[in-house]
Every structure is written in C-alpha cells, then in structure tokens.
Amino acid sequence: MTTPSYLLYGSSTVSINDLCSTLREVLNVDFEPRRSDYHGGDYYRAGQLRGEHFVLEKNWRDEDGELLEPAYENFDVILEVNGTERPDSIREILAEVEGLVFLIER
C-alpha cells in the first residue's frame, strides 16, 4: 500500500476562480465553494476528507495579513492536494496548468 502524499502548489498569476474552473476540467473533480474563518473566508474543496482531496484557497487567513503559507508569500493562491496515493500522476496532470507552480511534496 502506498503512503498518502501531500502536494502543495501556488499561483501568483491566476485568480482563484479561474484556477478553480481549470482544475475542475483537468482533474475531473467537482470543487464546492465553501466558507470558513479558518481558511480565511471563501475557498473551494473537492474530494473526500478521509481520502484524496483538494483545497484551493487564498494565501492569507485574515485581514491582518497572516499568511496560510508564509514560506510562499509570493503566491496569492494555494492548492493543497491531500492524501493522494497517486502523486506522480497528479504532478503530471498539474504540470500542464498554466500559472500553477509545484512547491513541495511531503
């Protein structure tokens, strides 16, 4: 059995809404609009929380400017790929998305 991986991507050139539309198509998943103070307001989520799932959100949590991912402050939008057992496949698919930059795999 493969150990689930966590992939992190960022974008500084594509809006969260445009990126969401593109990701729906290339990943063939249905991103649901969500709202949470923890996630800094509006964000999108797709997939099962206990399995592979995707979280697309702005790279800040509050009006004071606290960043979701401070190490990647140059990116306005963050995509988290959580619990995937197919990281190579996901990386190959997302490599084709214009304006989306692979940041790290854990």
Protein backbone atom coordinates (compact mmCIF):
# COMPACT_ATOMS: atom_id res chain seq x y z
CA MET A 1 0.00 0.00 0.00
CA THR A 2 1.29 3.45 -0.94
CA THR A 3 1.75 6.08 1.76
CA PRO A 4 -0.53 9.04 1.01
CA SER A 5 1.26 12.18 -0.09
CA TYR A 6 0.64 15.86 0.35
CA LEU A 7 1.41 18.18 -2.58
CA LEU A 8 1.46 21.95 -2.42
CA TYR A 9 1.07 24.30 -5.39
CA GLY A 10 0.85 28.05 -5.73
CA SER A 11 -0.13 30.67 -8.26
CA SER A 12 0.63 34.35 -8.45
CA THR A 13 -0.82 34.92 -11.91
CA VAL A 14 -4.22 33.18 -11.98
CA SER A 15 -7.24 34.14 -9.87
CA ILE A 16 -8.73 31.59 -7.52
CA ASN A 17 -11.95 31.42 -9.56
CA ASP A 18 -10.18 30.93 -12.90
CA LEU A 19 -7.88 28.34 -11.38
CA CYS A 20 -10.86 26.52 -9.90
CA SER A 21 -12.50 26.28 -13.34
CA THR A 22 -9.32 24.92 -14.91
CA LEU A 23 -8.75 22.40 -12.11
CA ARG A 24 -12.33 21.11 -12.41
CA GLU A 25 -11.61 20.24 -16.02
CA VAL A 26 -8.12 18.76 -15.76
CA LEU A 27 -8.70 16.81 -12.54
CA ASN A 28 -12.31 15.90 -13.34
CA VAL A 29 -13.42 16.76 -9.81
CA ASP A 30 -16.23 18.96 -8.57
CA PHE A 31 -14.91 21.80 -6.42
CA GLU A 32 -17.53 23.04 -3.97
CA PRO A 33 -17.46 26.65 -2.79
CA ARG A 34 -17.02 26.78 0.98
CA ARG A 35 -16.64 29.45 3.64
CA SER A 36 -14.56 29.20 6.80
CA ASP A 37 -12.81 31.67 9.07
CA TYR A 38 -10.02 29.10 9.43
CA HIS A 39 -9.50 29.14 5.66
CA GLY A 40 -9.63 32.93 5.50
CA GLY A 41 -13.13 33.18 4.09
CA ASP A 42 -14.18 31.73 0.78
CA TYR A 43 -12.35 28.70 -0.60
CA TYR A 44 -13.00 25.57 -2.68
CA ARG A 45 -12.80 21.90 -1.73
CA ALA A 46 -13.15 18.69 -3.73
CA GLY A 47 -12.88 15.02 -2.81
CA GLN A 48 -13.23 13.02 0.38
CA LEU A 49 -11.66 14.34 3.60
CA ARG A 50 -10.62 10.83 4.65
CA GLY A 51 -9.04 10.21 1.24
CA GLU A 52 -7.66 12.21 -1.63
CA HIS A 53 -8.96 15.76 -1.54
CA PHE A 54 -8.10 19.18 -2.87
CA VAL A 55 -8.28 22.56 -1.14
CA LEU A 56 -7.95 25.74 -3.19
CA GLU A 57 -7.68 28.94 -1.17
CA LYS A 58 -6.15 32.38 -1.00
CA ASN A 59 -2.77 32.58 0.71
CA TRP A 60 -3.94 34.53 3.73
CA ARG A 61 -6.16 33.82 6.67
CA ASP A 62 -7.25 37.23 7.91
CA GLU A 63 -7.41 40.96 7.24
CA ASP A 64 -4.22 41.41 9.27
CA GLY A 65 -2.32 39.65 6.51
CA GLU A 66 -1.49 36.38 8.26
CA LEU A 67 -0.39 34.03 5.51
CA LEU A 68 -1.60 30.48 5.11
CA GLU A 69 1.81 29.51 3.71
CA PRO A 70 4.33 32.14 4.89
CA ALA A 71 7.21 30.36 3.16
CA TYR A 72 5.46 31.05 -0.15
CA GLU A 73 4.41 34.66 0.35
CA ASN A 74 4.80 35.45 -3.37
CA PHE A 75 1.85 33.20 -4.23
CA ASP A 76 -1.67 34.63 -3.94
CA VAL A 77 -3.46 31.29 -4.35
CA ILE A 78 -2.55 27.94 -2.78
CA LEU A 79 -3.67 24.47 -3.89
CA GLU A 80 -3.29 21.62 -1.41
CA VAL A 81 -3.52 18.06 -2.69
CA ASN A 82 -4.08 15.95 0.43
CA GLY A 83 -3.93 12.20 0.94
CA THR A 84 -3.17 11.27 -2.64
CA GLU A 85 -1.83 7.82 -3.43
CA ARG A 86 -1.04 8.93 -6.98
CA PRO A 87 1.33 11.89 -6.55
CA ASP A 88 3.22 11.26 -9.79
CA SER A 89 0.01 11.22 -11.81
CA ILE A 90 -1.29 14.38 -10.12
CA ARG A 91 2.02 16.17 -10.69
CA GLU A 92 1.94 15.20 -14.36
CA ILE A 93 -1.62 16.50 -14.78
CA LEU A 94 -1.00 19.74 -12.89
CA ALA A 95 2.27 20.44 -14.75
CA GLU A 96 0.10 21.37 -17.73
CA VAL A 97 -1.88 24.04 -15.83
CA GLU A 98 -0.65 27.47 -16.83
CA GLY A 99 0.29 29.67 -13.89
CA LEU A 100 0.32 26.82 -11.34
CA VAL A 101 3.71 26.15 -9.72
CA PHE A 102 4.65 22.97 -7.82
CA LEU A 103 6.08 23.95 -4.41
CA ILE A 104 6.65 20.87 -2.25
CA GLU A 105 5.73 17.22 -1.63
CA ARG A 106 5.51 15.72 1.84
